[in-house]
Each structure stands twice: as C-alpha cells, then as structure tokens.
Amino acid sequence: MLFRQLYDQTSGTYSYLLASRRGGEALIFDPVLEKVDRYLQLVRELDLKLVKAVDTHLHADHITGLGALRDKTHCTTVMGEQTKADVVSIRLTDGDRLTIEGLSLDVLYTPGHTDDSYSFVMPDRVFTGDTLLIRGTGRTDFQNGDARQQYESIFGRLLKLPESTLVYPAHDYKGDTVSTIGEEKAYNPRLQVKSADEYVELMNNLKLSNPKMMDVAVPANMKVGLHQAEVARRGWAVTAEQGLGLVGKPDIALIDLREKNERERHGVIPGSLHVPYPSLLESISAGGMLDELAKSTGKRLVFYCAFGERSAMAVQAAQDAKLTSACHLQGGIAAWKASGGPVSHQSSVISDQLSVISK
C-alpha cells in the first residue's frame, strides 16, 4: 500500500493519501485548500488516479480542498450523511465501506466533536478525524458537538479496536504524527475518566476560544457542491419532473453512476443501467459500452447519481466525447424521490446492459 501523511502547518491539519499500488486509484482524507497543488503534484509523481476526496467532518479551522480537487481531477467528494455541506457526491453512513481499487475501509459514525464526525478503519489503522487525537480529543462545544456522544464514540467504538491499531488523527499541534489505541488508552489524559459524566464535566469546562478561521471556514465548507446551474444553462439537464416523462421511452437510456451499496440502500430508477462513475470514461470512449449504445441505437443517455454532482461531471465528459445528446438528472435520485418518482430495489445487472446493446 502507498501511504503518505501530509501536514498543513497553519491549521495543524493532517491529510492522508492512500492507494493500493503505483498507477492505481487513490483517495485522500481531509485535504486543505491551500495544499491542493502539492497533493496533485504527489499524485502525478506516484502515477496515481485520485478518485475520492473525503472529509471526516465539516472543518472549522481550514477551508476544505474537496471542491478544488473535484474540479481539477473529477474525483468524487465524500462525507457522512449528516453533513451540512450543500452537495457532496457520496454520503456515507455507519456500517458502509469506503472503497477504491485494492483498498476497503470500514465506516464508523463517531459523533461528538461535531454531529457529522466519522472514522475510517483498516485492519491495522484508523483515521479518527477530530474525534480521537494523540493525547487529546476533539472539542465538543460547537457545530452540534456533544461530549456524551463523544464519550460513547471513543469508549464504545474506537477504544474497542485492537490495541495495536495505529491512530491517525486529522490534527496535531505538538508534532506527534501517529499513536496506537493502546497508547491512548494508557496515556491520553482525557481518557483517564471513570464515567461518561466525568468526561462530560471535563469537556464542558475546557473554556477554549473559537478557531481563528471558524467564521470563514464553516460557511465556505458548507458550499462545496458543483454548481449544476451552468450545466442546466447549456441544455444538458432535465429536472426530476421532466425526467418522470422519460421513463420507459424507447429512445432513452437512464444511466446510474452510483456505487453498488448506494443502489442497494436507496434503490434505482426502474429500467436504468449501472455504469459506476469510475468506469465512465472508458465506457464513453470510442468503442466503449455507452459510446456504442448511443451511436448504434440512437438512444439519448440520461445520467443520474445521488445528488447530481457525479452526473453533472459525467455529462460534461460525454459532451467532450461528442455524445451531444447526453444530459443528466439535476439533483440526482434525491430530487427524483422528492418529486414522487418511482424507485425499484432490484439492481440492474451487466446482462441487462449487454442485451440493450445487442438489440
């Protein structure tokens, strides 16, 4: 595995770049806007394809690099489902798995520092965001923080991991880079409490000043979504209401760009084909499945995803590939459901795609 720990001295933020191999897919945790060029340089040097940018929670001390990385690499943006951010490509929930080629991380909901805080677990390490720090814990006095919830997240979940598990937090201000669950159990002063009440009392009396960038960072980090209005202005979008009239039409091919677990949890638009977003470019290239589908049958491709971000990027790519009739469902399946659109919980399969092409 390729693993790089990167540091922003101004905010004390650690970002983490992971990939299973050189030349493969990569993801990054908690990117900082001012460091985006450095991340992209490293991605190029290691011959990686950045496919996911993940924030462990809505940060208050720096502006996230999620939007900039999406705009520069067309990667998907990822946060927990409780996030107040306007649009992210994928919203995870407890028990999900965060995956890229060759790597899979368990998703743990660990609220307390904020109400949208998540941790991500691999067999030998855990990325704890601001929930569990090295010899500390994240403050709980703003952004719907809750000391009792944090106690449960730490003592009920994170500290139950094997003691040898490496702890990689999103912040450190003392120069420490890594710890273990066993070390934190033994030496973290905030964890030497006898009860949840004692922990709550400790956290409620820290009397810390607000982060210097809080008034700037929080509003900025709530507005990271891809602006879909420009795609609509170019005539490449249909609203959910318009989309209702397209289902079942013989000249329409609805293309679901979401991942398998999203489809299983939230359902699919009936009759849609599954082309996961990471495989899109291959599929719309000359000779690819969607290229052949559009050209051999004359079908209009209508992309959709969870909230419209991936599909907006997909329709731009399709237009660039000369599939000029392609469009996307604005607002994704979330808007579709809000408009009363039908949803099926039977996933389409590859054989469905092949049968369409062969007609």
Protein backbone atom coordinates (compact mmCIF):
# COMPACT_ATOMS: atom_id res chain seq x y z
CA MET A 1 0.00 0.00 0.00
CA LEU A 2 1.09 3.55 -0.71
CA PHE A 3 0.53 5.83 2.27
CA ARG A 4 1.50 9.47 2.69
CA GLN A 5 0.86 11.71 5.69
CA LEU A 6 0.80 15.38 4.68
CA TYR A 7 0.72 18.39 7.01
CA ASP A 8 -0.62 21.92 6.88
CA GLN A 9 1.27 23.90 9.50
CA THR A 10 -1.13 26.86 9.52
CA SER A 11 -4.11 24.81 10.69
CA GLY A 12 -2.29 21.82 12.18
CA THR A 13 -4.16 19.55 9.77
CA TYR A 14 -3.03 16.11 8.65
CA SER A 15 -4.18 14.89 5.25
CA TYR A 16 -3.65 11.29 4.18
CA LEU A 17 -3.16 9.93 0.66
CA LEU A 18 -3.79 6.20 0.19
CA ALA A 19 -3.52 3.83 -2.77
CA SER A 20 -3.01 0.10 -3.14
CA ARG A 21 -0.26 0.47 -5.76
CA ARG A 22 1.59 2.85 -8.03
CA GLY A 23 -0.51 3.58 -11.08
CA GLY A 24 -3.74 2.76 -9.25
CA GLU A 25 -6.66 4.59 -7.71
CA ALA A 26 -6.13 6.84 -4.71
CA LEU A 27 -8.16 8.62 -2.06
CA ILE A 28 -7.30 11.49 0.23
CA PHE A 29 -8.61 12.31 3.70
CA ASP A 30 -9.18 15.87 4.95
CA PRO A 31 -7.48 17.89 2.19
CA VAL A 32 -6.68 21.57 2.83
CA LEU A 33 -7.42 24.07 0.06
CA GLU A 34 -4.01 25.76 0.16
CA LYS A 35 -2.25 22.39 -0.26
CA VAL A 36 -4.20 21.16 -3.29
CA ASP A 37 -1.36 21.80 -5.74
CA ARG A 38 1.01 19.83 -3.51
CA TYR A 39 -1.41 16.89 -3.38
CA LEU A 40 -1.77 16.89 -7.15
CA GLN A 41 2.00 17.01 -7.61
CA LEU A 42 2.35 13.95 -5.39
CA VAL A 43 -0.46 12.16 -7.24
CA ARG A 44 1.40 12.76 -10.52
CA GLU A 45 4.75 11.68 -9.07
CA LEU A 46 3.27 8.41 -7.81
CA ASP A 47 1.35 7.88 -11.07
CA LEU A 48 -1.98 7.72 -9.24
CA LYS A 49 -5.56 8.50 -10.21
CA LEU A 50 -7.32 10.42 -7.44
CA VAL A 51 -10.88 9.06 -7.36
CA LYS A 52 -12.17 10.11 -3.91
CA ALA A 53 -11.64 13.10 -1.63
CA VAL A 54 -13.03 12.56 1.87
CA ASP A 55 -13.68 14.89 4.79
CA THR A 56 -14.06 13.19 8.17
CA HIS A 57 -16.34 16.07 9.25
CA LEU A 58 -17.16 19.70 8.47
CA HIS A 59 -13.99 21.53 9.46
CA ALA A 60 -13.94 24.84 11.33
CA ASP A 61 -10.22 25.66 11.19
CA HIS A 62 -9.45 25.49 7.47
CA ILE A 63 -11.20 25.56 4.12
CA THR A 64 -11.53 22.11 2.65
CA GLY A 65 -9.84 21.12 -0.60
CA LEU A 66 -12.74 18.85 -1.62
CA GLY A 67 -14.22 21.19 -4.22
CA ALA A 68 -10.89 22.18 -5.74
CA LEU A 69 -9.78 18.55 -6.05
CA ARG A 70 -13.10 17.62 -7.66
CA ASP A 71 -12.80 20.46 -10.15
CA LYS A 72 -9.20 19.60 -11.05
CA THR A 73 -9.42 15.79 -11.13
CA HIS A 74 -13.14 14.97 -11.49
CA CYS A 75 -12.89 12.84 -8.34
CA THR A 76 -15.93 12.18 -6.19
CA THR A 77 -16.37 14.06 -2.91
CA VAL A 78 -17.32 12.06 0.18
CA MET A 79 -18.68 12.93 3.63
CA GLY A 80 -21.06 11.45 6.18
CA GLU A 81 -24.79 11.63 5.59
CA GLN A 82 -25.25 14.13 8.44
CA THR A 83 -23.06 16.77 6.80
CA LYS A 84 -24.39 20.31 6.38
CA ALA A 85 -22.38 20.70 3.16
CA ASP A 86 -24.66 21.62 0.27
CA VAL A 87 -23.64 18.84 -2.12
CA VAL A 88 -21.14 16.02 -1.95
CA SER A 89 -21.03 13.16 -4.43
CA ILE A 90 -21.36 10.36 -1.86
CA ARG A 91 -22.83 10.50 1.63
CA LEU A 92 -21.74 7.59 3.80
CA THR A 93 -23.45 6.13 6.84
CA ASP A 94 -22.38 3.91 9.70
CA GLY A 95 -21.53 0.40 8.54
CA ASP A 96 -20.74 1.38 4.96
CA ARG A 97 -17.42 0.63 3.31
CA LEU A 98 -15.27 3.27 1.65
CA THR A 99 -13.60 1.58 -1.30
CA ILE A 100 -11.15 2.22 -4.09
CA GLU A 101 -9.21 -0.26 -6.19
CA GLY A 102 -7.46 -2.64 -3.81
CA LEU A 103 -8.49 -0.91 -0.55
CA SER A 104 -11.56 -1.04 1.64
CA LEU A 105 -12.20 0.86 4.88
CA ASP A 106 -14.98 0.32 7.41
CA VAL A 107 -17.06 3.44 8.06
CA LEU A 108 -17.78 4.28 11.72
CA TYR A 109 -20.09 7.10 12.78
CA THR A 110 -18.28 8.73 15.70
CA PRO A 111 -20.16 11.93 16.60
CA GLY A 112 -19.28 14.22 19.46
CA HIS A 113 -16.73 16.69 18.12
CA THR A 114 -19.39 17.53 15.51
CA ASP A 115 -22.62 15.77 14.65
CA ASP A 116 -21.17 14.65 11.29
CA SER A 117 -17.89 13.13 12.51
CA TYR A 118 -16.79 9.81 11.03
CA SER A 119 -13.81 7.50 11.48
CA PHE A 120 -12.43 5.07 8.90
CA VAL A 121 -10.94 1.71 9.86
CA MET A 122 -8.44 -0.55 8.12
CA PRO A 123 -7.07 -3.79 9.60
CA ASP A 124 -4.00 -2.06 11.06
CA ARG A 125 -5.04 1.60 11.41
CA VAL A 126 -7.87 4.04 11.99
CA PHE A 127 -8.36 7.58 10.71
CA THR A 128 -10.15 9.30 13.58
CA GLY A 129 -10.70 12.83 12.28
CA ASP A 130 -11.02 15.10 15.32
CA THR A 131 -12.81 12.53 17.46
CA LEU A 132 -9.70 10.97 18.97
CA LEU A 133 -6.45 12.96 18.85
CA ILE A 134 -2.99 11.99 20.05
CA ARG A 135 -3.13 12.54 23.83
CA GLY A 136 -6.31 14.52 23.39
CA THR A 137 -9.84 14.55 21.98
CA GLY A 138 -11.69 16.99 19.75
CA ARG A 139 -13.55 19.80 21.47
CA THR A 140 -17.31 19.41 21.73
CA ASP A 141 -18.56 22.97 22.23
CA PHE A 142 -19.70 23.97 18.72
CA GLN A 143 -21.19 22.56 15.47
CA ASN A 144 -23.67 20.44 17.41
CA GLY A 145 -20.88 18.84 19.37
CA ASP A 146 -21.85 16.65 22.30
CA ALA A 147 -19.42 15.42 24.95
CA ARG A 148 -21.60 12.47 25.94
CA GLN A 149 -21.86 11.33 22.32
CA GLN A 150 -18.10 11.67 22.00
CA TYR A 151 -17.56 9.55 25.09
CA GLU A 152 -19.68 6.81 23.52
CA SER A 153 -17.86 7.17 20.19
CA ILE A 154 -14.47 6.83 21.84
CA PHE A 155 -15.10 4.34 24.64
CA GLY A 156 -17.86 2.39 22.93
CA ARG A 157 -16.29 2.15 19.48
CA LEU A 158 -12.74 3.36 18.89
CA LEU A 159 -11.17 2.00 22.07
CA LYS A 160 -12.66 -1.41 21.31
CA LEU A 161 -10.35 -1.73 18.30
CA PRO A 162 -7.20 -3.87 18.84
CA GLU A 163 -4.65 -2.03 20.98
CA SER A 164 -2.05 -2.30 18.22
CA THR A 165 -4.27 -0.32 15.82
CA LEU A 166 -2.44 2.79 14.59
CA VAL A 167 -4.26 6.07 15.26
CA TYR A 168 -4.03 8.76 12.58
CA PRO A 169 -5.94 11.92 13.57
CA ALA A 170 -6.89 14.91 11.42
CA HIS A 171 -4.98 17.34 13.65
CA ASP A 172 -1.99 17.63 15.91
CA TYR A 173 -0.40 20.75 17.37
CA LYS A 174 2.55 19.22 19.24
CA GLY A 175 4.42 17.46 16.45
CA ASP A 176 3.13 13.93 17.06
CA THR A 177 2.32 12.00 13.90
CA VAL A 178 0.85 8.66 14.97
CA SER A 179 -0.23 6.76 18.07
CA THR A 180 -1.97 3.49 18.85
CA ILE A 181 -5.23 2.61 20.54
CA GLY A 182 -3.25 1.02 23.38
CA GLU A 183 -1.16 4.15 23.91
CA GLU A 184 -4.20 6.38 24.00
CA LYS A 185 -5.94 4.12 26.50
CA ALA A 186 -2.91 4.31 28.77
CA TYR A 187 -1.63 7.85 28.36
CA ASN A 188 -4.33 10.12 26.91
CA PRO A 189 -5.22 12.36 29.90
CA ARG A 190 -8.79 12.92 28.71
CA LEU A 191 -9.45 9.19 28.68
CA GLN A 192 -8.47 8.62 32.31
CA VAL A 193 -12.04 9.14 33.46
CA LYS A 194 -14.27 6.77 35.37
CA SER A 195 -17.59 7.60 33.75
CA ALA A 196 -19.38 9.43 30.96
CA ASP A 197 -20.46 12.08 33.47
CA GLU A 198 -16.84 12.75 34.43
CA TYR A 199 -15.87 13.05 30.76
CA VAL A 200 -18.76 15.45 30.08
CA GLU A 201 -17.72 17.58 33.05
CA LEU A 202 -14.12 17.69 31.77
CA MET A 203 -15.08 18.63 28.21
CA ASN A 204 -17.66 21.22 29.25
CA ASN A 205 -15.08 23.15 31.21
CA LEU A 206 -12.22 23.48 28.71
CA LYS A 207 -13.05 27.16 28.07
CA LEU A 208 -11.34 27.26 24.66
CA SER A 209 -11.50 30.20 22.28
CA ASN A 210 -13.06 29.60 18.86
CA PRO A 211 -10.78 28.59 15.97
CA LYS A 212 -9.41 31.68 14.25
CA MET A 213 -10.90 30.74 10.87
CA MET A 214 -14.23 29.43 12.15
CA ASP A 215 -16.35 32.32 10.83
CA VAL A 216 -14.80 31.89 7.38
CA ALA A 217 -14.20 28.15 7.18
CA VAL A 218 -17.58 26.82 8.28
CA PRO A 219 -19.67 28.82 5.75
CA ALA A 220 -17.15 28.06 2.99
CA ASN A 221 -17.13 24.36 3.80
CA MET A 222 -20.92 24.25 3.63
CA LYS A 223 -20.81 25.38 0.00
CA VAL A 224 -18.55 22.94 -1.80
CA GLY A 225 -21.04 21.50 -4.30
CA LEU A 226 -20.54 21.58 -8.04
CA HIS A 227 -22.73 24.33 -9.50
CA GLN A 228 -25.24 22.42 -11.62
CA ALA A 229 -26.89 25.60 -12.89
CA GLU A 230 -24.23 26.03 -15.59
CA VAL A 231 -24.86 22.51 -16.86
CA ALA A 232 -28.58 23.28 -17.00
CA ARG A 233 -27.95 26.59 -18.77
CA ARG A 234 -26.25 24.68 -21.58
CA GLY A 235 -29.33 22.50 -22.02
CA TRP A 236 -27.66 19.39 -20.62
CA ALA A 237 -30.02 18.82 -17.71
CA VAL A 238 -33.54 17.62 -17.05
CA THR A 239 -35.41 18.29 -13.84
CA ALA A 240 -36.88 15.45 -11.84
CA GLU A 241 -40.33 16.44 -13.07
CA GLN A 242 -39.14 16.31 -16.70
CA GLY A 243 -37.37 13.03 -16.01
CA LEU A 244 -40.64 11.40 -14.94
CA GLY A 245 -41.78 11.67 -18.54
CA LEU A 246 -38.70 9.89 -19.86
CA VAL A 247 -39.02 6.58 -18.00
CA GLY A 248 -39.88 3.78 -20.38
CA LYS A 249 -39.32 5.76 -23.56
CA PRO A 250 -37.55 3.60 -26.17
CA ASP A 251 -35.11 6.34 -27.17
CA ILE A 252 -33.89 6.99 -23.59
CA ALA A 253 -31.18 5.16 -21.64
CA LEU A 254 -31.04 6.06 -17.94
CA ILE A 255 -27.52 5.54 -16.61
CA ASP A 256 -26.96 5.10 -12.86
CA LEU A 257 -23.46 6.25 -11.87
CA ARG A 258 -23.66 5.34 -8.18
CA GLU A 259 -21.80 2.61 -6.33
CA LYS A 260 -23.36 -0.77 -5.58
CA ASN A 261 -24.02 -0.07 -1.90
CA GLU A 262 -25.77 3.24 -2.74
CA ARG A 263 -28.06 1.45 -5.17
CA GLU A 264 -28.88 -1.27 -2.66
CA ARG A 265 -29.69 1.22 0.11
CA HIS A 266 -31.55 3.89 -1.85
CA GLY A 267 -32.95 1.96 -4.82
CA VAL A 268 -32.73 2.64 -8.55
CA ILE A 269 -34.88 4.30 -11.17
CA PRO A 270 -36.68 1.43 -12.93
CA GLY A 271 -35.06 0.35 -16.17
CA SER A 272 -31.79 2.16 -15.56
CA LEU A 273 -28.40 0.67 -16.40
CA HIS A 274 -25.50 0.61 -13.98
CA VAL A 275 -22.22 2.21 -15.07
CA PRO A 276 -20.23 3.17 -11.93
CA TYR A 277 -18.73 6.64 -12.23
CA PRO A 278 -15.07 5.47 -12.08
CA SER A 279 -15.64 3.42 -15.25
CA LEU A 280 -17.41 6.22 -17.13
CA LEU A 281 -14.53 7.48 -19.27
CA GLU A 282 -13.80 4.00 -20.60
CA SER A 283 -17.48 3.47 -21.34
CA ILE A 284 -17.99 6.71 -23.31
CA SER A 285 -14.72 6.44 -25.22
CA ALA A 286 -14.77 5.23 -28.82
CA GLY A 287 -15.88 1.60 -28.81
CA GLY A 288 -16.96 1.74 -25.16
CA MET A 289 -20.29 0.39 -24.00
CA LEU A 290 -22.13 3.72 -23.74
CA ASP A 291 -20.50 5.04 -26.91
CA GLU A 292 -21.80 2.01 -28.79
CA LEU A 293 -25.19 2.22 -27.11
CA ALA A 294 -25.68 5.86 -28.09
CA LYS A 295 -24.39 5.50 -31.63
CA SER A 296 -25.81 2.12 -32.60
CA THR A 297 -29.30 2.61 -31.15
CA GLY A 298 -29.61 6.40 -31.17
CA LYS A 299 -30.57 6.39 -27.51
CA ARG A 300 -30.17 9.58 -25.50
CA LEU A 301 -28.04 9.00 -22.41
CA VAL A 302 -29.50 10.43 -19.19
CA PHE A 303 -27.04 10.17 -16.31
CA TYR A 304 -28.04 10.23 -12.68
CA CYS A 305 -26.37 9.77 -9.30
CA ALA A 306 -27.20 10.60 -5.68
CA PHE A 307 -27.36 14.40 -5.75
CA GLY A 308 -26.35 15.38 -9.28
CA GLU A 309 -22.64 16.05 -8.80
CA ARG A 310 -21.22 12.96 -10.48
CA SER A 311 -23.82 13.12 -13.24
CA ALA A 312 -23.00 16.77 -13.93
CA MET A 313 -19.35 15.83 -14.39
CA ALA A 314 -20.41 12.82 -16.47
CA VAL A 315 -22.49 14.86 -18.90
CA GLN A 316 -19.60 17.25 -19.45
CA ALA A 317 -17.33 14.29 -20.21
CA ALA A 318 -19.93 12.82 -22.56
CA GLN A 319 -20.26 16.12 -24.41
CA ASP A 320 -16.47 16.25 -24.74
CA ALA A 321 -16.65 12.73 -26.21
CA LYS A 322 -19.12 14.02 -28.86
CA LEU A 323 -22.13 12.34 -27.32
CA THR A 324 -24.00 15.57 -27.79
CA SER A 325 -27.48 14.38 -26.83
CA ALA A 326 -26.38 13.33 -23.33
CA CYS A 327 -27.88 15.06 -20.31
CA HIS A 328 -28.24 14.47 -16.59
CA LEU A 329 -30.91 14.39 -13.92
CA GLN A 330 -30.47 17.58 -11.93
CA GLY A 331 -30.38 16.93 -8.19
CA GLY A 332 -29.99 13.18 -8.65
CA ILE A 333 -32.16 10.46 -7.20
CA ALA A 334 -32.72 12.63 -4.11
CA ALA A 335 -34.65 15.12 -6.28
CA TRP A 336 -36.31 12.25 -8.13
CA LYS A 337 -37.69 10.79 -4.90
CA ALA A 338 -38.79 14.23 -3.67
CA SER A 339 -40.85 14.57 -6.86
CA GLY A 340 -42.55 11.23 -6.33
CA GLY A 341 -40.52 9.33 -8.91
CA PRO A 342 -40.76 5.53 -8.77
CA VAL A 343 -37.87 3.59 -7.29
CA SER A 344 -37.04 -0.09 -7.62
CA HIS A 345 -34.90 -2.10 -5.23
CA GLN A 346 -33.96 -4.66 -7.87
CA SER A 347 -30.49 -3.80 -9.20
CA SER A 348 -29.84 -3.91 -12.92
CA VAL A 349 -27.04 -6.24 -13.96
CA ILE A 350 -24.42 -6.38 -16.67
CA SER A 351 -26.50 -8.83 -18.71
CA ASP A 352 -29.20 -6.13 -18.93
CA GLN A 353 -26.65 -3.74 -20.40
CA LEU A 354 -25.41 -6.25 -22.91
CA SER A 355 -28.93 -7.15 -24.01
CA VAL A 356 -29.69 -3.49 -24.69
CA ILE A 357 -26.57 -3.09 -26.80
CA SER A 358 -27.27 -6.21 -28.81
CA LYS A 359 -30.76 -5.03 -29.83
